[in-house]
Amino acid sequence: MPTIALASDHAGFALKAALVADLVAAGHQVLDLGPDGEASVDYPDYGRALGEALAQGRASHGIAICGSGIGISIAVNRIAGARCALVTSGLMARLARQHNDANCIALGSRIIGSETARDCVAEFLNTPFDGGRHAARVAKLG
């Protein structure tokens, strides 16, 4: 199974912990990049760590979580080789993989509930990239 890296800020810590537990229980290899608690931290630091883990090949998939999902997705996307899509539904997660070959999704812990987050993760991990007409477009992303 591929290694899945997760990172969050303090607002996303509880959701990250729940998703880590789910993934480990399902037999996935997990790289938890922190934080280790709910003390205030800066999302750009954790987004950068996640983007670097993807770019360096230490993980094939990433899950980034902050309060809205917006800030941490921006931080991840500043790293070349990381393609992070902010998703709020399983459909968005599926399309991020099918059409955009996203290797990371971002979730907003204050925007979606844990069941929707789990659906997003399942769709993200179980959907392949379609390639074809989408491959040339993804290549333009760098």
N, C-alpha and C. Protein backbone atom coordinates (compact mmCIF):
# COMPACT_ATOMS: atom_id res chain seq x y z
N MET A 1 0.84 -1.20 0.00
CA MET A 1 0.00 0.00 0.00
C MET A 1 0.88 1.25 0.00
N PRO A 2 0.40 2.28 -0.64
CA PRO A 2 1.19 3.52 -0.67
C PRO A 2 1.23 4.19 0.70
N THR A 3 2.26 5.01 0.90
CA THR A 3 2.35 5.79 2.13
C THR A 3 1.52 7.05 1.97
N ILE A 4 0.72 7.33 2.98
CA ILE A 4 -0.14 8.50 2.99
C ILE A 4 0.38 9.43 4.08
N ALA A 5 0.73 10.65 3.71
CA ALA A 5 1.21 11.65 4.67
C ALA A 5 0.06 12.56 5.05
N LEU A 6 -0.02 12.88 6.32
CA LEU A 6 -1.03 13.82 6.82
C LEU A 6 -0.36 14.91 7.61
N ALA A 7 -0.91 16.12 7.50
CA ALA A 7 -0.44 17.25 8.28
C ALA A 7 -1.62 18.18 8.50
N SER A 8 -1.57 18.91 9.60
CA SER A 8 -2.65 19.85 9.91
C SER A 8 -2.09 21.01 10.69
N ASP A 9 -2.97 21.92 11.02
CA ASP A 9 -2.66 22.92 12.04
C ASP A 9 -3.45 22.52 13.27
N HIS A 10 -3.48 23.40 14.27
CA HIS A 10 -4.19 23.10 15.51
C HIS A 10 -5.69 22.89 15.28
N ALA A 11 -6.29 23.65 14.37
CA ALA A 11 -7.72 23.52 14.11
C ALA A 11 -8.06 22.18 13.46
N GLY A 12 -7.13 21.62 12.75
CA GLY A 12 -7.36 20.35 12.08
C GLY A 12 -6.85 19.13 12.82
N PHE A 13 -6.26 19.35 14.00
CA PHE A 13 -5.62 18.25 14.71
C PHE A 13 -6.58 17.09 15.02
N ALA A 14 -7.75 17.37 15.55
CA ALA A 14 -8.68 16.29 15.93
C ALA A 14 -9.12 15.49 14.72
N LEU A 15 -9.43 16.16 13.61
CA LEU A 15 -9.82 15.44 12.40
C LEU A 15 -8.64 14.63 11.87
N LYS A 16 -7.45 15.20 11.91
CA LYS A 16 -6.26 14.46 11.46
C LYS A 16 -6.07 13.20 12.29
N ALA A 17 -6.19 13.32 13.59
CA ALA A 17 -6.02 12.17 14.47
C ALA A 17 -7.03 11.07 14.14
N ALA A 18 -8.27 11.45 13.88
CA ALA A 18 -9.30 10.47 13.54
C ALA A 18 -8.98 9.79 12.21
N LEU A 19 -8.54 10.56 11.22
CA LEU A 19 -8.22 9.99 9.91
C LEU A 19 -6.99 9.10 9.98
N VAL A 20 -5.99 9.49 10.77
CA VAL A 20 -4.80 8.65 10.95
C VAL A 20 -5.23 7.30 11.52
N ALA A 21 -6.07 7.32 12.55
CA ALA A 21 -6.53 6.07 13.16
C ALA A 21 -7.28 5.21 12.15
N ASP A 22 -8.14 5.82 11.35
CA ASP A 22 -8.87 5.08 10.32
C ASP A 22 -7.92 4.44 9.31
N LEU A 23 -6.95 5.21 8.85
CA LEU A 23 -6.03 4.72 7.83
C LEU A 23 -5.15 3.59 8.35
N VAL A 24 -4.66 3.75 9.57
CA VAL A 24 -3.84 2.70 10.19
C VAL A 24 -4.67 1.43 10.36
N ALA A 25 -5.91 1.58 10.83
CA ALA A 25 -6.80 0.42 11.02
C ALA A 25 -7.07 -0.29 9.69
N ALA A 26 -7.06 0.45 8.59
CA ALA A 26 -7.30 -0.13 7.27
C ALA A 26 -6.03 -0.72 6.66
N GLY A 27 -4.90 -0.63 7.39
CA GLY A 27 -3.66 -1.22 6.93
C GLY A 27 -2.76 -0.33 6.11
N HIS A 28 -3.07 0.96 6.03
CA HIS A 28 -2.24 1.89 5.26
C HIS A 28 -0.98 2.26 6.03
N GLN A 29 0.07 2.54 5.29
CA GLN A 29 1.27 3.14 5.86
C GLN A 29 0.99 4.63 6.00
N VAL A 30 1.22 5.18 7.19
CA VAL A 30 0.90 6.58 7.45
C VAL A 30 2.14 7.32 7.93
N LEU A 31 2.33 8.50 7.38
CA LEU A 31 3.39 9.41 7.81
C LEU A 31 2.68 10.63 8.40
N ASP A 32 2.65 10.71 9.73
CA ASP A 32 1.99 11.82 10.43
C ASP A 32 3.02 12.92 10.64
N LEU A 33 2.85 14.01 9.92
CA LEU A 33 3.80 15.12 9.97
C LEU A 33 3.46 16.17 11.03
N GLY A 34 2.45 15.88 11.84
CA GLY A 34 2.12 16.77 12.95
C GLY A 34 1.02 17.75 12.61
N PRO A 35 0.71 18.52 13.63
CA PRO A 35 1.31 18.61 14.96
C PRO A 35 0.85 17.47 15.87
N ASP A 36 1.38 17.46 17.08
CA ASP A 36 1.10 16.41 18.04
C ASP A 36 0.03 16.80 19.05
N GLY A 37 -0.56 17.98 18.89
CA GLY A 37 -1.59 18.41 19.82
C GLY A 37 -2.30 19.64 19.29
N GLU A 38 -3.17 20.21 20.13
CA GLU A 38 -4.00 21.33 19.70
C GLU A 38 -3.43 22.70 20.04
N ALA A 39 -2.18 22.77 20.50
CA ALA A 39 -1.55 24.06 20.74
C ALA A 39 -1.41 24.80 19.41
N SER A 40 -1.56 26.10 19.43
CA SER A 40 -1.53 26.91 18.21
C SER A 40 -0.21 26.74 17.45
N VAL A 41 -0.35 26.45 16.16
CA VAL A 41 0.80 26.32 15.26
C VAL A 41 0.47 27.06 13.96
N ASP A 42 1.46 27.21 13.11
CA ASP A 42 1.29 27.93 11.85
C ASP A 42 1.12 26.93 10.70
N TYR A 43 -0.04 26.97 10.04
CA TYR A 43 -0.33 26.04 8.96
C TYR A 43 0.71 26.04 7.83
N PRO A 44 1.36 27.18 7.49
CA PRO A 44 2.34 27.12 6.39
C PRO A 44 3.49 26.14 6.67
N ASP A 45 3.88 26.02 7.94
CA ASP A 45 4.98 25.11 8.27
C ASP A 45 4.59 23.66 7.99
N TYR A 46 3.37 23.30 8.34
CA TYR A 46 2.91 21.92 8.15
C TYR A 46 2.54 21.65 6.70
N GLY A 47 2.00 22.63 6.02
CA GLY A 47 1.73 22.47 4.59
C GLY A 47 3.00 22.28 3.80
N ARG A 48 4.04 23.04 4.14
CA ARG A 48 5.33 22.89 3.47
C ARG A 48 5.89 21.49 3.72
N ALA A 49 5.84 21.02 4.96
CA ALA A 49 6.35 19.69 5.27
C ALA A 49 5.63 18.61 4.47
N LEU A 50 4.33 18.76 4.32
CA LEU A 50 3.55 17.79 3.54
C LEU A 50 3.92 17.87 2.07
N GLY A 51 4.00 19.05 1.51
CA GLY A 51 4.39 19.21 0.12
C GLY A 51 5.76 18.63 -0.16
N GLU A 52 6.70 18.84 0.76
CA GLU A 52 8.05 18.30 0.60
C GLU A 52 8.05 16.78 0.67
N ALA A 53 7.24 16.21 1.55
CA ALA A 53 7.15 14.74 1.64
C ALA A 53 6.66 14.16 0.32
N LEU A 54 5.70 14.82 -0.31
CA LEU A 54 5.20 14.36 -1.61
C LEU A 54 6.25 14.53 -2.69
N ALA A 55 6.87 15.70 -2.74
CA ALA A 55 7.87 15.99 -3.77
C ALA A 55 9.08 15.08 -3.66
N GLN A 56 9.45 14.71 -2.45
CA GLN A 56 10.63 13.85 -2.23
C GLN A 56 10.31 12.37 -2.35
N GLY A 57 9.04 12.03 -2.55
CA GLY A 57 8.65 10.64 -2.70
C GLY A 57 8.53 9.87 -1.39
N ARG A 58 8.53 10.56 -0.27
CA ARG A 58 8.35 9.87 1.01
C ARG A 58 6.91 9.44 1.22
N ALA A 59 6.00 10.02 0.43
CA ALA A 59 4.59 9.64 0.45
C ALA A 59 4.05 9.81 -0.97
N SER A 60 3.10 8.95 -1.32
CA SER A 60 2.50 9.07 -2.64
C SER A 60 1.22 9.89 -2.61
N HIS A 61 0.59 9.97 -1.44
CA HIS A 61 -0.66 10.70 -1.27
C HIS A 61 -0.56 11.55 -0.01
N GLY A 62 -1.24 12.69 -0.02
CA GLY A 62 -1.24 13.56 1.15
C GLY A 62 -2.64 14.03 1.51
N ILE A 63 -2.81 14.28 2.80
CA ILE A 63 -4.06 14.85 3.31
C ILE A 63 -3.68 16.00 4.21
N ALA A 64 -4.13 17.20 3.85
CA ALA A 64 -3.81 18.42 4.59
C ALA A 64 -5.10 18.94 5.23
N ILE A 65 -4.99 19.39 6.48
CA ILE A 65 -6.20 19.82 7.18
C ILE A 65 -5.91 21.09 7.98
N CYS A 66 -6.76 22.08 7.79
CA CYS A 66 -6.77 23.25 8.66
C CYS A 66 -8.23 23.64 8.86
N GLY A 67 -8.49 24.74 9.49
CA GLY A 67 -9.87 25.12 9.77
C GLY A 67 -10.73 25.21 8.53
N SER A 68 -10.24 25.88 7.50
CA SER A 68 -11.00 26.02 6.26
C SER A 68 -10.47 25.13 5.15
N GLY A 69 -9.25 24.66 5.27
CA GLY A 69 -8.59 23.92 4.20
C GLY A 69 -7.90 24.81 3.20
N ILE A 70 -8.20 26.09 3.22
CA ILE A 70 -7.68 27.02 2.23
C ILE A 70 -6.19 27.30 2.46
N GLY A 71 -5.85 27.75 3.65
CA GLY A 71 -4.47 28.15 3.92
C GLY A 71 -3.49 27.02 3.73
N ILE A 72 -3.80 25.86 4.27
CA ILE A 72 -2.86 24.74 4.16
C ILE A 72 -2.75 24.25 2.73
N SER A 73 -3.84 24.34 1.94
CA SER A 73 -3.74 23.93 0.53
C SER A 73 -2.82 24.87 -0.24
N ILE A 74 -2.88 26.14 0.07
CA ILE A 74 -1.98 27.10 -0.57
C ILE A 74 -0.54 26.77 -0.22
N ALA A 75 -0.29 26.46 1.05
CA ALA A 75 1.07 26.14 1.50
C ALA A 75 1.60 24.89 0.80
N VAL A 76 0.79 23.85 0.70
CA VAL A 76 1.22 22.62 0.03
C VAL A 76 1.54 22.92 -1.43
N ASN A 77 0.70 23.69 -2.10
CA ASN A 77 0.86 23.95 -3.53
C ASN A 77 2.05 24.84 -3.87
N ARG A 78 2.69 25.42 -2.89
CA ARG A 78 3.89 26.21 -3.15
C ARG A 78 5.11 25.32 -3.39
N ILE A 79 4.96 24.02 -3.14
CA ILE A 79 6.06 23.08 -3.34
C ILE A 79 5.89 22.40 -4.70
N ALA A 80 6.91 22.52 -5.55
CA ALA A 80 6.87 21.89 -6.87
C ALA A 80 6.72 20.38 -6.70
N GLY A 81 5.80 19.81 -7.45
CA GLY A 81 5.55 18.38 -7.38
C GLY A 81 4.36 18.03 -6.52
N ALA A 82 3.85 18.99 -5.78
CA ALA A 82 2.65 18.77 -4.97
C ALA A 82 1.47 19.39 -5.70
N ARG A 83 0.38 18.63 -5.79
CA ARG A 83 -0.85 19.11 -6.41
C ARG A 83 -1.98 18.85 -5.42
N CYS A 84 -2.30 19.87 -4.66
CA CYS A 84 -3.27 19.75 -3.58
C CYS A 84 -4.59 20.42 -3.97
N ALA A 85 -5.67 19.67 -3.85
CA ALA A 85 -7.00 20.18 -4.18
C ALA A 85 -7.83 20.30 -2.91
N LEU A 86 -8.40 21.45 -2.69
CA LEU A 86 -9.33 21.65 -1.58
C LEU A 86 -10.65 21.00 -1.97
N VAL A 87 -11.12 20.06 -1.16
CA VAL A 87 -12.35 19.33 -1.48
C VAL A 87 -13.33 19.40 -0.32
N THR A 88 -14.60 19.40 -0.67
CA THR A 88 -15.66 19.42 0.34
C THR A 88 -16.67 18.30 0.14
N SER A 89 -16.40 17.41 -0.81
CA SER A 89 -17.29 16.28 -1.06
C SER A 89 -16.49 15.15 -1.69
N GLY A 90 -17.06 13.96 -1.61
CA GLY A 90 -16.43 12.83 -2.27
C GLY A 90 -16.31 13.03 -3.76
N LEU A 91 -17.31 13.65 -4.37
CA LEU A 91 -17.25 13.92 -5.81
C LEU A 91 -16.06 14.80 -6.15
N MET A 92 -15.85 15.85 -5.37
CA MET A 92 -14.70 16.73 -5.63
C MET A 92 -13.39 15.97 -5.49
N ALA A 93 -13.30 15.10 -4.48
CA ALA A 93 -12.08 14.31 -4.29
C ALA A 93 -11.86 13.37 -5.47
N ARG A 94 -12.93 12.74 -5.94
CA ARG A 94 -12.82 11.83 -7.09
C ARG A 94 -12.36 12.59 -8.34
N LEU A 95 -12.97 13.74 -8.60
CA LEU A 95 -12.59 14.52 -9.78
C LEU A 95 -11.17 15.08 -9.67
N ALA A 96 -10.74 15.39 -8.46
CA ALA A 96 -9.36 15.88 -8.26
C ALA A 96 -8.36 14.82 -8.69
N ARG A 97 -8.68 13.55 -8.44
CA ARG A 97 -7.80 12.46 -8.87
C ARG A 97 -7.99 12.17 -10.36
N GLN A 98 -9.23 12.00 -10.80
CA GLN A 98 -9.50 11.61 -12.19
C GLN A 98 -8.97 12.61 -13.20
N HIS A 99 -9.24 13.88 -12.97
CA HIS A 99 -8.95 14.91 -13.97
C HIS A 99 -7.68 15.69 -13.70
N ASN A 100 -7.28 15.81 -12.45
CA ASN A 100 -6.15 16.68 -12.11
C ASN A 100 -4.95 15.94 -11.54
N ASP A 101 -5.06 14.63 -11.37
CA ASP A 101 -3.99 13.82 -10.79
C ASP A 101 -3.48 14.42 -9.48
N ALA A 102 -4.40 14.94 -8.67
CA ALA A 102 -4.02 15.51 -7.38
C ALA A 102 -3.36 14.42 -6.54
N ASN A 103 -2.24 14.77 -5.92
CA ASN A 103 -1.59 13.82 -5.02
C ASN A 103 -1.85 14.20 -3.57
N CYS A 104 -2.69 15.20 -3.36
CA CYS A 104 -3.03 15.66 -2.02
C CYS A 104 -4.42 16.29 -2.04
N ILE A 105 -5.14 16.07 -0.96
CA ILE A 105 -6.40 16.80 -0.78
C ILE A 105 -6.29 17.61 0.50
N ALA A 106 -7.01 18.71 0.52
CA ALA A 106 -7.10 19.55 1.71
C ALA A 106 -8.54 19.54 2.20
N LEU A 107 -8.68 19.46 3.50
CA LEU A 107 -9.99 19.41 4.14
C LEU A 107 -10.11 20.54 5.15
N GLY A 108 -11.27 21.13 5.24
CA GLY A 108 -11.55 22.16 6.23
C GLY A 108 -12.30 21.58 7.41
N SER A 109 -11.63 21.47 8.54
CA SER A 109 -12.26 20.83 9.70
C SER A 109 -13.43 21.63 10.25
N ARG A 110 -13.49 22.92 9.95
CA ARG A 110 -14.61 23.75 10.40
C ARG A 110 -15.68 23.87 9.32
N ILE A 111 -15.45 23.22 8.19
CA ILE A 111 -16.35 23.32 7.05
C ILE A 111 -17.14 22.02 6.85
N ILE A 112 -16.45 20.89 6.97
CA ILE A 112 -17.10 19.60 6.74
C ILE A 112 -17.01 18.74 8.01
N GLY A 113 -17.91 17.81 8.14
CA GLY A 113 -17.90 16.90 9.28
C GLY A 113 -16.99 15.71 9.02
N SER A 114 -16.83 14.89 10.03
CA SER A 114 -15.90 13.76 9.93
C SER A 114 -16.37 12.71 8.91
N GLU A 115 -17.67 12.51 8.78
CA GLU A 115 -18.14 11.51 7.81
C GLU A 115 -17.89 11.98 6.38
N THR A 116 -18.09 13.26 6.12
CA THR A 116 -17.79 13.78 4.78
C THR A 116 -16.29 13.71 4.53
N ALA A 117 -15.49 14.01 5.54
CA ALA A 117 -14.03 13.92 5.40
C ALA A 117 -13.63 12.48 5.07
N ARG A 118 -14.23 11.52 5.74
CA ARG A 118 -13.91 10.11 5.47
C ARG A 118 -14.30 9.73 4.04
N ASP A 119 -15.43 10.24 3.56
CA ASP A 119 -15.85 9.99 2.19
C ASP A 119 -14.85 10.59 1.21
N CYS A 120 -14.41 11.80 1.49
CA CYS A 120 -13.40 12.45 0.64
C CYS A 120 -12.13 11.62 0.57
N VAL A 121 -11.67 11.14 1.72
CA VAL A 121 -10.44 10.35 1.76
C VAL A 121 -10.62 9.05 0.98
N ALA A 122 -11.74 8.38 1.17
CA ALA A 122 -11.98 7.12 0.46
C ALA A 122 -11.99 7.33 -1.05
N GLU A 123 -12.69 8.34 -1.51
CA GLU A 123 -12.74 8.62 -2.96
C GLU A 123 -11.36 8.98 -3.49
N PHE A 124 -10.63 9.79 -2.75
CA PHE A 124 -9.29 10.20 -3.14
C PHE A 124 -8.37 8.99 -3.28
N LEU A 125 -8.38 8.12 -2.30
CA LEU A 125 -7.46 6.98 -2.31
C LEU A 125 -7.86 5.88 -3.28
N ASN A 126 -9.13 5.80 -3.64
CA ASN A 126 -9.61 4.71 -4.48
C ASN A 126 -9.85 5.10 -5.93
N THR A 127 -9.47 6.31 -6.30
CA THR A 127 -9.72 6.78 -7.67
C THR A 127 -8.40 6.96 -8.40
N PRO A 128 -8.25 6.32 -9.55
CA PRO A 128 -7.04 6.52 -10.35
C PRO A 128 -7.16 7.77 -11.23
N PHE A 129 -6.03 8.25 -11.70
CA PHE A 129 -5.97 9.33 -12.68
C PHE A 129 -6.40 8.77 -14.02
N ASP A 130 -7.30 9.46 -14.71
CA ASP A 130 -7.79 9.01 -16.01
C ASP A 130 -6.75 9.14 -17.11
N GLY A 131 -5.80 10.07 -16.97
CA GLY A 131 -4.82 10.28 -18.03
C GLY A 131 -5.51 10.82 -19.27
N GLY A 132 -5.15 10.27 -20.42
CA GLY A 132 -5.78 10.68 -21.67
C GLY A 132 -5.70 12.18 -21.89
N ARG A 133 -6.84 12.77 -22.22
CA ARG A 133 -6.88 14.20 -22.52
C ARG A 133 -6.47 15.06 -21.34
N HIS A 134 -6.52 14.50 -20.12
CA HIS A 134 -6.17 15.28 -18.93
C HIS A 134 -4.65 15.34 -18.71
N ALA A 135 -3.92 14.38 -19.25
CA ALA A 135 -2.48 14.29 -18.99
C ALA A 135 -1.72 15.52 -19.47
N ALA A 136 -2.03 16.01 -20.65
CA ALA A 136 -1.34 17.18 -21.17
C ALA A 136 -1.62 18.41 -20.32
N ARG A 137 -2.83 18.52 -19.82
CA ARG A 137 -3.18 19.65 -18.97
C ARG A 137 -2.44 19.58 -17.64
N VAL A 138 -2.38 18.39 -17.06
CA VAL A 138 -1.66 18.23 -15.79
C VAL A 138 -0.17 18.52 -16.00
N ALA A 139 0.37 18.10 -17.13
CA ALA A 139 1.78 18.36 -17.42
C ALA A 139 2.08 19.85 -17.43
N LYS A 140 1.13 20.67 -17.84
CA LYS A 140 1.33 22.11 -17.86
C LYS A 140 1.41 22.71 -16.46
N LEU A 141 0.97 21.95 -15.44
CA LEU A 141 1.04 22.44 -14.07
C LEU A 141 2.46 22.41 -13.52
N GLY A 142 3.32 21.66 -14.16
CA GLY A 142 4.73 21.60 -13.74
C GLY A 142 5.02 20.53 -12.73
